[in-house]
PDB file of N, CA and C in Angstrom:
ATOM      1  N   MET A   1       0.819  -1.200   0.020  1.00  0.00           N
ATOM      2  CA  MET A   1       0.029  -0.016   0.004  1.00  0.00           C
ATOM      3  C   MET A   1       0.894   1.266  -0.047  1.00  0.00           C
ATOM      4  N   GLU A   2       1.857   1.345   0.889  1.00  0.00           N
ATOM      5  CA  GLU A   2       2.689   2.548   1.005  1.00  0.00           C
ATOM      6  C   GLU A   2       3.478   2.761  -0.209  1.00  0.00           C
ATOM      7  N   LYS A   3       4.034   1.603  -0.806  1.00  0.00           N
ATOM      8  CA  LYS A   3       4.900   1.763  -1.970  1.00  0.00           C
ATOM      9  C   LYS A   3       4.006   2.274  -3.211  1.00  0.00           C
ATOM     10  N   LYS A   4       2.773   1.772  -3.302  1.00  0.00           N
ATOM     11  CA  LYS A   4       1.914   2.288  -4.335  1.00  0.00           C
ATOM     12  C   LYS A   4       1.658   3.773  -4.189  1.00  0.00           C
ATOM     13  N   MET A   5       1.438   4.202  -2.972  1.00  0.00           N
ATOM     14  CA  MET A   5       1.230   5.611  -2.744  1.00  0.00           C
ATOM     15  C   MET A   5       2.413   6.435  -3.131  1.00  0.00           C
ATOM     16  N   GLU A   6       3.586   5.924  -2.868  1.00  0.00           N
ATOM     17  CA  GLU A   6       4.814   6.635  -3.236  1.00  0.00           C
ATOM     18  C   GLU A   6       4.970   6.724  -4.790  1.00  0.00           C
ATOM     19  N   THR A   7       4.652   5.692  -5.471  1.00  0.00           N
ATOM     20  CA  THR A   7       4.852   5.731  -6.917  1.00  0.00           C
ATOM     21  C   THR A   7       3.744   6.518  -7.620  1.00  0.00           C
ATOM     22  N   SER A   8       2.482   6.411  -7.116  1.00  0.00           N
ATOM     23  CA  SER A   8       1.395   7.152  -7.777  1.00  0.00           C
ATOM     24  C   SER A   8       1.319   8.547  -7.237  1.00  0.00           C
ATOM     25  N   GLY A   9       1.898   8.827  -6.049  1.00  0.00           N
ATOM     26  CA  GLY A   9       1.831  10.168  -5.439  1.00  0.00           C
ATOM     27  C   GLY A   9       2.415  11.223  -6.273  1.00  0.00           C
ATOM     28  N   PRO A  10       3.703  11.145  -6.700  1.00  0.00           N
ATOM     29  CA  PRO A  10       4.314  12.159  -7.514  1.00  0.00           C
ATOM     30  C   PRO A  10       3.664  12.385  -8.885  1.00  0.00           C
ATOM     31  N   GLN A  11       3.170  11.345  -9.467  1.00  0.00           N
ATOM     32  CA  GLN A  11       2.582  11.428 -10.826  1.00  0.00           C
ATOM     33  C   GLN A  11       1.360  12.280 -10.825  1.00  0.00           C
ATOM     34  N   ALA A  12       0.448  12.134  -9.869  1.00  0.00           N
ATOM     35  CA  ALA A  12      -0.781  12.846  -9.885  1.00  0.00           C
ATOM     36  C   ALA A  12      -0.501  14.419  -9.686  1.00  0.00           C
ATOM     37  N   PRO A  13       0.312  14.809  -8.735  1.00  0.00           N
ATOM     38  CA  PRO A  13       0.679  16.246  -8.645  1.00  0.00           C
ATOM     39  C   PRO A  13       1.343  16.758  -9.871  1.00  0.00           C
ATOM     40  N   ASN A  14       2.199  15.998 -10.464  1.00  0.00           N
ATOM     41  CA  ASN A  14       2.853  16.484 -11.711  1.00  0.00           C
ATOM     42  C   ASN A  14       1.813  16.739 -12.799  1.00  0.00           C
ATOM     43  N   ALA A  15       0.822  15.928 -12.926  1.00  0.00           N
ATOM     44  CA  ALA A  15      -0.198  16.129 -13.958  1.00  0.00           C
ATOM     45  C   ALA A  15      -0.948  17.462 -13.623  1.00  0.00           C
ATOM     46  N   ASP A  16      -1.214  17.706 -12.313  1.00  0.00           N
ATOM     47  CA  ASP A  16      -1.816  18.890 -11.974  1.00  0.00           C
ATOM     48  C   ASP A  16      -0.991  20.126 -12.248  1.00  0.00           C
ATOM     49  N   LEU A  17       0.370  19.942 -11.932  1.00  0.00           N
ATOM     50  CA  LEU A  17       1.337  21.068 -12.179  1.00  0.00           C
ATOM     51  C   LEU A  17       1.410  21.388 -13.659  1.00  0.00           C
ATOM     52  N   VAL A  18       1.400  20.350 -14.466  1.00  0.00           N
ATOM     53  CA  VAL A  18       1.493  20.548 -15.933  1.00  0.00           C
ATOM     54  C   VAL A  18       0.253  21.332 -16.429  1.00  0.00           C
ATOM     55  N   SER A  19      -0.924  20.926 -15.965  1.00  0.00           N
ATOM     56  CA  SER A  19      -2.120  21.597 -16.324  1.00  0.00           C
ATOM     57  C   SER A  19      -2.180  23.052 -15.876  1.00  0.00           C
ATOM     58  N   GLU A  20      -1.766  23.250 -14.645  1.00  0.00           N
ATOM     59  CA  GLU A  20      -1.595  24.553 -14.059  1.00  0.00           C
ATOM     60  C   GLU A  20      -0.603  25.425 -14.864  1.00  0.00           C
ATOM     61  N   PHE A  21       0.494  24.815 -15.244  1.00  0.00           N
ATOM     62  CA  PHE A  21       1.527  25.504 -16.024  1.00  0.00           C
ATOM     63  C   PHE A  21       0.963  25.930 -17.353  1.00  0.00           C
ATOM     64  N   GLU A  22       0.165  24.977 -18.005  1.00  0.00           N
ATOM     65  CA  GLU A  22      -0.418  25.308 -19.316  1.00  0.00           C
ATOM     66  C   GLU A  22      -1.458  26.459 -19.166  1.00  0.00           C
ATOM     67  N   LYS A  23      -2.171  26.443 -18.090  1.00  0.00           N
ATOM     68  CA  LYS A  23      -3.113  27.490 -17.899  1.00  0.00           C
ATOM     69  C   LYS A  23      -2.443  28.781 -17.763  1.00  0.00           C
ATOM     70  N   ILE A  24      -1.355  28.814 -16.964  1.00  0.00           N
ATOM     71  CA  ILE A  24      -0.585  30.068 -16.762  1.00  0.00           C
ATOM     72  C   ILE A  24      -0.022  30.573 -18.053  1.00  0.00           C
ATOM     73  N   GLN A  25       0.522  29.665 -18.904  1.00  0.00           N
ATOM     74  CA  GLN A  25       1.052  29.979 -20.219  1.00  0.00           C
ATOM     75  C   GLN A  25      -0.043  30.632 -21.062  1.00  0.00           C
ATOM     76  N   LEU A  26      -1.242  29.996 -21.074  1.00  0.00           N
ATOM     77  CA  LEU A  26      -2.319  30.547 -21.837  1.00  0.00           C
ATOM     78  C   LEU A  26      -2.694  31.944 -21.394  1.00  0.00           C
ATOM     79  N   ILE A  27      -2.782  32.128 -20.030  1.00  0.00           N
ATOM     80  CA  ILE A  27      -3.215  33.393 -19.522  1.00  0.00           C
ATOM     81  C   ILE A  27      -2.152  34.461 -19.841  1.00  0.00           C
ATOM     82  N   SER A  28      -0.863  34.080 -19.812  1.00  0.00           N
ATOM     83  CA  SER A  28       0.178  35.008 -20.037  1.00  0.00           C
ATOM     84  C   SER A  28       0.202  35.400 -21.538  1.00  0.00           C
ATOM     85  N   LEU A  29      -0.124  34.434 -22.410  1.00  0.00           N
ATOM     86  CA  LEU A  29      -0.219  34.676 -23.896  1.00  0.00           C
ATOM     87  C   LEU A  29      -1.366  35.649 -24.100  1.00  0.00           C
ATOM     88  N   GLN A  30      -2.503  35.421 -23.512  1.00  0.00           N
ATOM     89  CA  GLN A  30      -3.667  36.204 -23.716  1.00  0.00           C
ATOM     90  C   GLN A  30      -3.421  37.619 -23.178  1.00  0.00           C
ATOM     91  N   SER A  31      -2.766  37.783 -22.039  1.00  0.00           N
ATOM     92  CA  SER A  31      -2.545  39.105 -21.405  1.00  0.00           C
ATOM     93  C   SER A  31      -1.487  39.801 -22.299  1.00  0.00           C
ATOM     94  N   ALA A  32      -0.514  39.121 -22.886  1.00  0.00           N
ATOM     95  CA  ALA A  32       0.474  39.770 -23.739  1.00  0.00           C
ATOM     96  C   ALA A  32      -0.219  40.283 -24.959  1.00  0.00           C
ATOM     97  N   ARG A  33      -1.122  39.516 -25.544  1.00  0.00           N
ATOM     98  CA  ARG A  33      -1.863  40.010 -26.705  1.00  0.00           C
ATOM     99  C   ARG A  33      -2.644  41.212 -26.337  1.00  0.00           C
ATOM    100  N   LYS A  34      -3.366  41.204 -25.173  1.00  0.00           N
ATOM    101  CA  LYS A  34      -4.108  42.330 -24.718  1.00  0.00           C
ATOM    102  C   LYS A  34      -3.225  43.566 -24.553  1.00  0.00           C
ATOM    103  N   MET A  35      -2.064  43.337 -23.970  1.00  0.00           N
ATOM    104  CA  MET A  35      -1.070  44.464 -23.784  1.00  0.00           C
ATOM    105  C   MET A  35      -0.697  45.052 -25.135  1.00  0.00           C
ATOM    106  N   LYS A  36      -0.424  44.201 -26.133  1.00  0.00           N
ATOM    107  CA  LYS A  36      -0.070  44.701 -27.445  1.00  0.00           C
ATOM    108  C   LYS A  36      -1.193  45.468 -28.054  1.00  0.00           C
ATOM    109  N   GLU A  37      -2.382  44.958 -27.925  1.00  0.00           N
ATOM    110  CA  GLU A  37      -3.597  45.640 -28.474  1.00  0.00           C
ATOM    111  C   GLU A  37      -3.735  47.011 -27.707  1.00  0.00           C
ATOM    112  N   ALA A  38      -3.604  47.068 -26.463  1.00  0.00           N
ATOM    113  CA  ALA A  38      -3.727  48.316 -25.659  1.00  0.00           C
ATOM    114  C   ALA A  38      -2.686  49.260 -26.096  1.00  0.00           C
ATOM    115  N   VAL A  39      -1.406  48.839 -26.229  1.00  0.00           N
ATOM    116  CA  VAL A  39      -0.393  49.656 -26.672  1.00  0.00           C
ATOM    117  C   VAL A  39      -0.674  50.174 -28.109  1.00  0.00           C
ATOM    118  N   GLY A  40      -1.166  49.348 -28.925  1.00  0.00           N
ATOM    119  CA  GLY A  40      -1.554  49.798 -30.361  1.00  0.00           C
ATOM    120  C   GLY A  40      -2.594  50.846 -30.289  1.00  0.00           C
ATOM    121  N   THR A  41      -3.707  50.649 -29.517  1.00  0.00           N
ATOM    122  CA  THR A  41      -4.745  51.609 -29.523  1.00  0.00           C
ATOM    123  C   THR A  41      -4.318  52.881 -28.865  1.00  0.00           C
ATOM    124  N   SER A  42      -3.530  52.800 -27.811  1.00  0.00           N
ATOM    125  CA  SER A  42      -2.981  54.019 -27.161  1.00  0.00           C
ATOM    126  C   SER A  42      -2.106  54.805 -28.136  1.00  0.00           C
ATOM    127  N   GLU A  43      -1.281  54.096 -28.924  1.00  0.00           N
ATOM    128  CA  GLU A  43      -0.436  54.730 -29.960  1.00  0.00           C
ATOM    129  C   GLU A  43      -1.337  55.381 -31.027  1.00  0.00           C
ATOM    130  N   ALA A  44      -2.301  54.694 -31.438  1.00  0.00           N
ATOM    131  CA  ALA A  44      -3.210  55.259 -32.449  1.00  0.00           C
ATOM    132  C   ALA A  44      -3.897  56.492 -31.927  1.00  0.00           C
ATOM    133  N   LEU A  45      -4.341  56.410 -30.629  1.00  0.00           N
ATOM    134  CA  LEU A  45      -4.993  57.643 -30.051  1.00  0.00           C
ATOM    135  C   LEU A  45      -4.001  58.760 -29.940  1.00  0.00           C
ATOM    136  N   GLY A  46      -2.792  58.432 -29.578  1.00  0.00           N
ATOM    137  CA  GLY A  46      -1.738  59.421 -29.487  1.00  0.00           C
ATOM    138  C   GLY A  46      -1.491  60.114 -30.765  1.00  0.00           C
ATOM    139  N   ARG A  47      -1.463  59.296 -31.859  1.00  0.00           N
ATOM    140  CA  ARG A  47      -1.236  59.906 -33.169  1.00  0.00           C
ATOM    141  C   ARG A  47      -2.397  60.808 -33.585  1.00  0.00           C
ATOM    142  N   LYS A  48      -3.635  60.399 -33.237  1.00  0.00           N
ATOM    143  CA  LYS A  48      -4.781  61.234 -33.532  1.00  0.00           C
ATOM    144  C   LYS A  48      -4.727  62.543 -32.854  1.00  0.00           C
ATOM    145  N   ALA A  49      -4.337  62.429 -31.495  1.00  0.00           N
ATOM    146  CA  ALA A  49      -4.199  63.666 -30.684  1.00  0.00           C
ATOM    147  C   ALA A  49      -3.120  64.532 -31.226  1.00  0.00           C
ATOM    148  N   ASN A  50      -1.998  64.003 -31.646  1.00  0.00           N
ATOM    149  CA  ASN A  50      -0.922  64.807 -32.201  1.00  0.00           C
ATOM    150  C   ASN A  50      -1.289  65.496 -33.507  1.00  0.00           C
ATOM    151  N   SER A  51      -1.994  64.756 -34.339  1.00  0.00           N
ATOM    152  CA  SER A  51      -2.453  65.299 -35.690  1.00  0.00           C
ATOM    153  C   SER A  51      -3.524  66.296 -35.558  1.00  0.00           C
ATOM    154  N   ALA A  52      -4.327  66.168 -34.479  1.00  0.00           N
ATOM    155  CA  ALA A  52      -5.461  67.119 -34.389  1.00  0.00           C
ATOM    156  C   ALA A  52      -5.041  68.507 -34.062  1.00  0.00           C
TER     157      ALA A  52
END
């Protein structure tokens, strides 16, 4: 029983860690895109303000 717990123990948390890591990667990718979009829109607004 104890040996089974030891062998299956690390595997389950690793799977959770991998999925958490993937979630974090997705979130960071999405936030990076949003940041780029925000920078793009602020630059466009800045150009409009400068040209006006």
